[in-house]
Amino acid sequence: MVPIDLSGKKALVMGVTNEHSLGWAIAEKLHAAGAEVAFSYQGERLREKLEKLTAGRPNRRLYQVDVTDEAALKAMFADLGQAWGGLDYLVHSIAFAPRAAMEGRFIETTAADWNTALQVSAYSLVAVAREAEPLLREGGSLVTLTYYASEKVVPRYNVMGIAKAALEASVRYLAYELGKKNIRVNAISAGAIRTVAAMSIPGFRKMVAKYNATAPLGRMITHEEVGNLGLYLLSPLSSGTTGQTVYVDAGYSIMGMSWDDAQE
């Protein structure tokens, strides 16, 4: 891989829960490339984990932020603006739906669960981009995390599939508006990978077996592969790419059926 030097660049990674988070995989690549990385997390119980993960890093900045709290978002970006004077990269790795909404039938989704999933998983990108815009430097880049269920049915993913579809549409609209300032916005559609969020999906182990049997590469993807793609989309190497959903899924999304499915 071509070495990328991001010395002097400032990045905010939102939504890390532990070392298995896709946001953390991207953050590690940013850090290795020389960027200074700040983190936001939801809930005080996650602070100790982030403190351990980032121990020893100079000028460490950790923010407890509920993305549905506009005042909290404003306060975080105000502090970053004062400390850094600007922002180059932003990683949005945030999604949530009540478990009940993913255990039953999609048709039984309640209005409350729908609104929660859409607000946290999709609208939060818009809210975050709005607050970050005054700080984002020319040539800056935003990346969010999506999933294939945005365009094809994945049983039990339910309302989160709708939220991811809204997220991807938001990426396109934000890319259009921020492009005038030479700021790019893209989404990573990661394939099957073990994260806290993935493991909470009912039937995940069966999904993995089907995935491995169908994907052309015959395997799940790795955290490092997600991190590499995140680094690429944030860095100047992808300077002509914006408004896109880019897949890192061992080729799963190109398949209509597996060969075994076609056998009589």
Protein backbone atom coordinates (compact mmCIF):
# COMPACT_ATOMS: atom_id res chain seq x y z
CA MET A 1 0.00 0.00 0.00
CA VAL A 2 1.25 3.49 -0.87
CA PRO A 3 2.44 5.23 2.32
CA ILE A 4 0.14 8.07 3.33
CA ASP A 5 1.48 10.96 5.37
CA LEU A 6 -1.27 12.77 7.30
CA SER A 7 1.04 14.56 9.71
CA GLY A 8 -0.61 17.71 11.04
CA LYS A 9 -4.10 16.57 10.05
CA LYS A 10 -6.92 16.50 12.60
CA ALA A 11 -9.60 13.81 12.68
CA LEU A 12 -12.70 13.14 14.75
CA VAL A 13 -13.95 9.55 14.99
CA MET A 14 -17.46 9.20 16.38
CA GLY A 15 -19.06 6.04 17.75
CA VAL A 16 -16.18 3.83 18.90
CA THR A 17 -17.31 1.29 21.49
CA ASN A 18 -14.29 -1.03 21.69
CA GLU A 19 -11.28 -2.33 19.75
CA HIS A 20 -13.59 -4.30 17.43
CA SER A 21 -15.46 -1.21 16.23
CA LEU A 22 -15.07 -0.32 12.57
CA GLY A 23 -14.54 3.27 13.64
CA TRP A 24 -11.56 2.14 15.70
CA ALA A 25 -10.13 0.25 12.72
CA ILE A 26 -10.19 3.48 10.70
CA ALA A 27 -8.87 5.52 13.63
CA GLU A 28 -5.87 3.21 13.95
CA LYS A 29 -4.99 3.75 10.30
CA LEU A 30 -5.34 7.53 10.67
CA HIS A 31 -3.11 7.49 13.74
CA ALA A 32 -0.48 5.35 12.01
CA ALA A 33 -0.46 7.83 9.11
CA GLY A 34 0.34 10.69 11.52
CA ALA A 35 -3.06 12.30 12.06
CA GLU A 36 -4.15 13.49 15.50
CA VAL A 37 -7.41 11.73 16.36
CA ALA A 38 -10.16 12.74 18.79
CA PHE A 39 -13.02 10.44 19.74
CA SER A 40 -16.65 10.73 20.75
CA TYR A 41 -18.56 8.00 22.53
CA GLN A 42 -22.10 7.47 23.80
CA GLY A 43 -22.45 6.78 27.50
CA GLU A 44 -20.06 7.11 30.41
CA ARG A 45 -19.59 3.32 30.60
CA LEU A 46 -17.54 3.46 27.39
CA ARG A 47 -15.05 6.06 28.59
CA GLU A 48 -12.83 3.61 30.48
CA LYS A 49 -12.48 1.43 27.37
CA LEU A 50 -11.49 4.40 25.20
CA GLU A 51 -9.06 5.65 27.83
CA LYS A 52 -7.31 2.28 27.73
CA LEU A 53 -7.28 2.15 23.92
CA THR A 54 -5.80 5.64 23.62
CA ALA A 55 -3.45 5.51 26.61
CA GLY A 56 -0.14 7.24 25.99
CA ARG A 57 -1.32 9.38 23.10
CA PRO A 58 -0.45 13.06 23.58
CA ASN A 59 -3.20 15.68 23.67
CA ARG A 60 -5.88 13.00 23.88
CA ARG A 61 -9.39 14.33 23.40
CA LEU A 62 -12.41 12.20 24.35
CA TYR A 63 -15.99 13.47 24.26
CA GLN A 64 -19.11 11.90 25.70
CA VAL A 65 -21.80 12.90 23.22
CA ASP A 66 -25.36 11.79 22.59
CA VAL A 67 -25.90 12.61 18.90
CA THR A 68 -29.58 13.34 19.55
CA ASP A 69 -28.51 16.18 21.87
CA GLU A 70 -27.88 19.25 19.69
CA ALA A 71 -26.34 21.20 22.57
CA ALA A 72 -23.83 18.41 23.23
CA LEU A 73 -22.81 18.34 19.57
CA LYS A 74 -22.34 22.10 19.51
CA ALA A 75 -20.23 21.98 22.67
CA MET A 76 -17.94 19.27 21.26
CA PHE A 77 -17.29 21.08 18.00
CA ALA A 78 -16.79 24.38 19.82
CA ASP A 79 -14.13 22.74 21.97
CA LEU A 80 -12.46 21.15 18.94
CA GLY A 81 -12.50 24.49 17.16
CA GLN A 82 -10.82 26.18 20.09
CA ALA A 83 -8.23 23.42 20.50
CA TRP A 84 -7.48 22.67 16.86
CA GLY A 85 -8.71 25.66 14.90
CA GLY A 86 -10.11 23.35 12.23
CA LEU A 87 -10.90 19.78 11.23
CA ASP A 88 -9.74 17.67 8.29
CA TYR A 89 -11.48 14.32 8.65
CA LEU A 90 -14.62 12.99 10.30
CA VAL A 91 -15.67 9.36 10.73
CA HIS A 92 -19.34 8.73 11.55
CA SER A 93 -19.66 5.20 12.93
CA ILE A 94 -23.02 5.50 14.66
CA ALA A 95 -26.14 3.34 14.39
CA PHE A 96 -28.85 2.11 16.71
CA ALA A 97 -32.30 0.56 16.66
CA PRO A 98 -34.20 -0.88 19.63
CA ARG A 99 -33.67 -4.63 19.79
CA ALA A 100 -37.41 -5.27 19.71
CA ALA A 101 -37.53 -3.70 16.24
CA MET A 102 -35.07 -6.32 14.96
CA GLU A 103 -36.61 -9.40 16.56
CA GLY A 104 -40.11 -9.30 15.14
CA ARG A 105 -41.60 -8.73 11.70
CA PHE A 106 -40.73 -5.53 9.87
CA ILE A 107 -44.44 -4.79 9.40
CA GLU A 108 -44.75 -4.55 13.17
CA THR A 109 -42.20 -1.74 13.48
CA THR A 110 -43.58 0.94 15.78
CA ALA A 111 -43.42 4.65 15.02
CA ALA A 112 -41.24 5.16 18.09
CA ASP A 113 -38.70 2.53 17.03
CA TRP A 114 -38.72 3.85 13.45
CA ASN A 115 -38.02 7.39 14.62
CA THR A 116 -35.26 6.26 16.97
CA ALA A 117 -33.49 4.22 14.30
CA LEU A 118 -33.72 6.94 11.67
CA GLN A 119 -32.68 9.73 14.01
CA VAL A 120 -29.66 7.99 15.49
CA SER A 121 -28.49 6.07 12.43
CA ALA A 122 -29.17 8.53 9.59
CA TYR A 123 -30.17 12.01 10.72
CA SER A 124 -27.17 12.12 13.07
CA LEU A 125 -24.86 12.30 10.02
CA VAL A 126 -26.69 15.42 8.85
CA ALA A 127 -26.56 16.97 12.33
CA VAL A 128 -22.88 16.18 12.71
CA ALA A 129 -22.00 17.52 9.24
CA ARG A 130 -23.86 20.75 9.96
CA GLU A 131 -21.93 21.37 13.18
CA ALA A 132 -18.62 20.30 11.62
CA GLU A 133 -18.98 22.38 8.45
CA PRO A 134 -17.52 25.63 9.86
CA LEU A 135 -14.43 23.72 11.03
CA LEU A 136 -13.84 21.54 7.97
CA ARG A 137 -10.85 22.66 5.94
CA GLU A 138 -10.75 22.62 2.15
CA GLY A 139 -9.89 19.12 1.00
CA GLY A 140 -11.56 17.64 4.06
CA SER A 141 -13.47 14.37 4.02
CA LEU A 142 -16.31 12.62 5.86
CA VAL A 143 -16.88 8.87 5.96
CA THR A 144 -19.82 6.96 7.38
CA LEU A 145 -20.54 3.22 7.75
CA THR A 146 -23.45 1.56 5.99
CA TYR A 147 -24.55 -1.98 5.09
CA TYR A 148 -25.93 -3.93 2.10
CA ALA A 149 -29.38 -4.18 3.74
CA SER A 150 -29.91 -0.61 2.54
CA GLU A 151 -30.75 -1.96 -0.91
CA LYS A 152 -31.61 -5.67 -0.48
CA VAL A 153 -33.69 -7.44 2.13
CA VAL A 154 -31.74 -8.95 5.02
CA PRO A 155 -34.27 -10.69 7.30
CA ARG A 156 -34.28 -9.41 10.88
CA TYR A 157 -32.30 -6.28 9.96
CA ASN A 158 -35.70 -4.66 9.55
CA VAL A 159 -35.86 -0.92 10.24
CA MET A 160 -32.08 -0.63 10.27
CA GLY A 161 -32.15 -1.39 6.54
CA ILE A 162 -34.41 1.62 6.07
CA ALA A 163 -32.10 3.74 8.22
CA LYS A 164 -29.07 2.71 6.16
CA ALA A 165 -30.90 3.59 2.93
CA ALA A 166 -31.63 7.04 4.37
CA LEU A 167 -28.00 7.32 5.45
CA GLU A 168 -26.74 6.61 1.93
CA ALA A 169 -29.15 9.15 0.42
CA SER A 170 -27.91 11.68 2.97
CA VAL A 171 -24.33 11.00 1.86
CA ARG A 172 -25.25 11.99 -1.68
CA TYR A 173 -27.00 15.20 -0.68
CA LEU A 174 -24.21 16.21 1.69
CA ALA A 175 -21.61 15.45 -0.98
CA TYR A 176 -23.43 17.77 -3.36
CA GLU A 177 -23.61 20.66 -0.91
CA LEU A 178 -20.18 20.34 0.68
CA GLY A 179 -18.51 19.70 -2.67
CA LYS A 180 -18.61 23.43 -3.32
CA LYS A 181 -16.07 23.75 -0.50
CA ASN A 182 -13.99 20.82 -1.81
CA ILE A 183 -15.16 18.62 1.06
CA ARG A 184 -16.00 15.02 0.20
CA VAL A 185 -18.56 12.66 1.75
CA ASN A 186 -18.61 8.90 1.21
CA ALA A 187 -19.96 5.72 2.79
CA ILE A 188 -18.26 2.39 3.39
CA SER A 189 -20.50 -0.65 2.98
CA ALA A 190 -18.74 -3.31 4.98
CA GLY A 191 -19.54 -6.97 4.62
CA ALA A 192 -19.89 -9.56 7.36
CA ILE A 193 -17.54 -8.81 10.22
CA ARG A 194 -17.69 -9.42 13.95
CA THR A 195 -18.54 -6.21 15.80
CA VAL A 196 -20.74 -5.52 18.80
CA ALA A 197 -23.46 -4.21 16.48
CA ALA A 198 -23.28 -7.21 14.13
CA MET A 199 -23.36 -9.76 16.93
CA SER A 200 -26.58 -8.20 18.19
CA ILE A 201 -28.41 -9.03 14.94
CA PRO A 202 -30.64 -12.10 15.48
CA GLY A 203 -29.31 -15.05 13.47
CA PHE A 204 -25.91 -13.47 12.80
CA ARG A 205 -24.05 -16.80 12.87
CA LYS A 206 -26.33 -18.24 10.19
CA MET A 207 -25.80 -15.08 8.15
CA VAL A 208 -22.04 -15.57 8.34
CA ALA A 209 -22.29 -19.16 7.06
CA LYS A 210 -24.41 -18.02 4.11
CA TYR A 211 -22.07 -15.12 3.48
CA ASN A 212 -18.96 -17.29 3.37
CA ALA A 213 -20.66 -19.70 0.97
CA THR A 214 -21.74 -16.90 -1.39
CA ALA A 215 -18.95 -14.29 -1.44
CA PRO A 216 -16.48 -14.79 -4.32
CA LEU A 217 -13.56 -14.61 -1.89
CA GLY A 218 -15.29 -17.18 0.30
CA ARG A 219 -14.70 -15.40 3.59
CA MET A 220 -15.61 -12.58 5.89
CA ILE A 221 -13.69 -9.33 5.68
CA THR A 222 -11.20 -8.09 8.26
CA HIS A 223 -11.09 -4.97 10.39
CA GLU A 224 -7.84 -4.02 8.70
CA GLU A 225 -9.53 -4.09 5.29
CA VAL A 226 -12.20 -1.69 6.53
CA GLY A 227 -9.53 0.51 8.08
CA ASN A 228 -7.56 0.62 4.83
CA LEU A 229 -10.62 1.65 2.83
CA GLY A 230 -11.49 4.30 5.41
CA LEU A 231 -7.99 5.74 5.23
CA TYR A 232 -8.15 5.80 1.43
CA LEU A 233 -11.53 7.58 1.33
CA LEU A 234 -10.44 10.16 3.88
CA SER A 235 -7.02 10.84 2.39
CA PRO A 236 -6.07 12.78 -0.77
CA LEU A 237 -5.64 9.45 -2.59
CA SER A 238 -9.40 9.51 -3.23
CA SER A 239 -9.57 13.22 -4.05
CA GLY A 240 -11.96 12.63 -6.98
CA THR A 241 -14.39 10.39 -5.12
CA THR A 242 -17.47 11.75 -3.36
CA GLY A 243 -21.11 10.84 -2.79
CA GLN A 244 -20.31 7.14 -3.21
CA THR A 245 -21.11 3.97 -1.33
CA VAL A 246 -17.95 1.87 -1.61
CA TYR A 247 -18.08 -1.85 -0.83
CA VAL A 248 -15.54 -3.87 1.10
CA ASP A 249 -17.39 -7.17 1.33
CA ALA A 250 -15.31 -9.92 -0.32
CA GLY A 251 -17.54 -9.46 -3.38
CA TYR A 252 -20.77 -10.57 -1.72
CA SER A 253 -22.81 -7.68 -3.14
CA ILE A 254 -22.16 -8.68 -6.77
CA MET A 255 -23.81 -12.09 -6.39
CA GLY A 256 -27.37 -12.93 -7.35
CA MET A 257 -27.14 -16.45 -5.94
CA SER A 258 -24.46 -18.89 -4.88
CA TRP A 259 -23.52 -21.85 -7.08
CA ASP A 260 -24.92 -24.22 -4.47
CA ASP A 261 -28.27 -22.43 -4.70
CA ALA A 262 -28.32 -23.11 -8.43
CA GLN A 263 -27.87 -26.87 -8.07
CA GLU A 264 -30.88 -29.14 -8.40
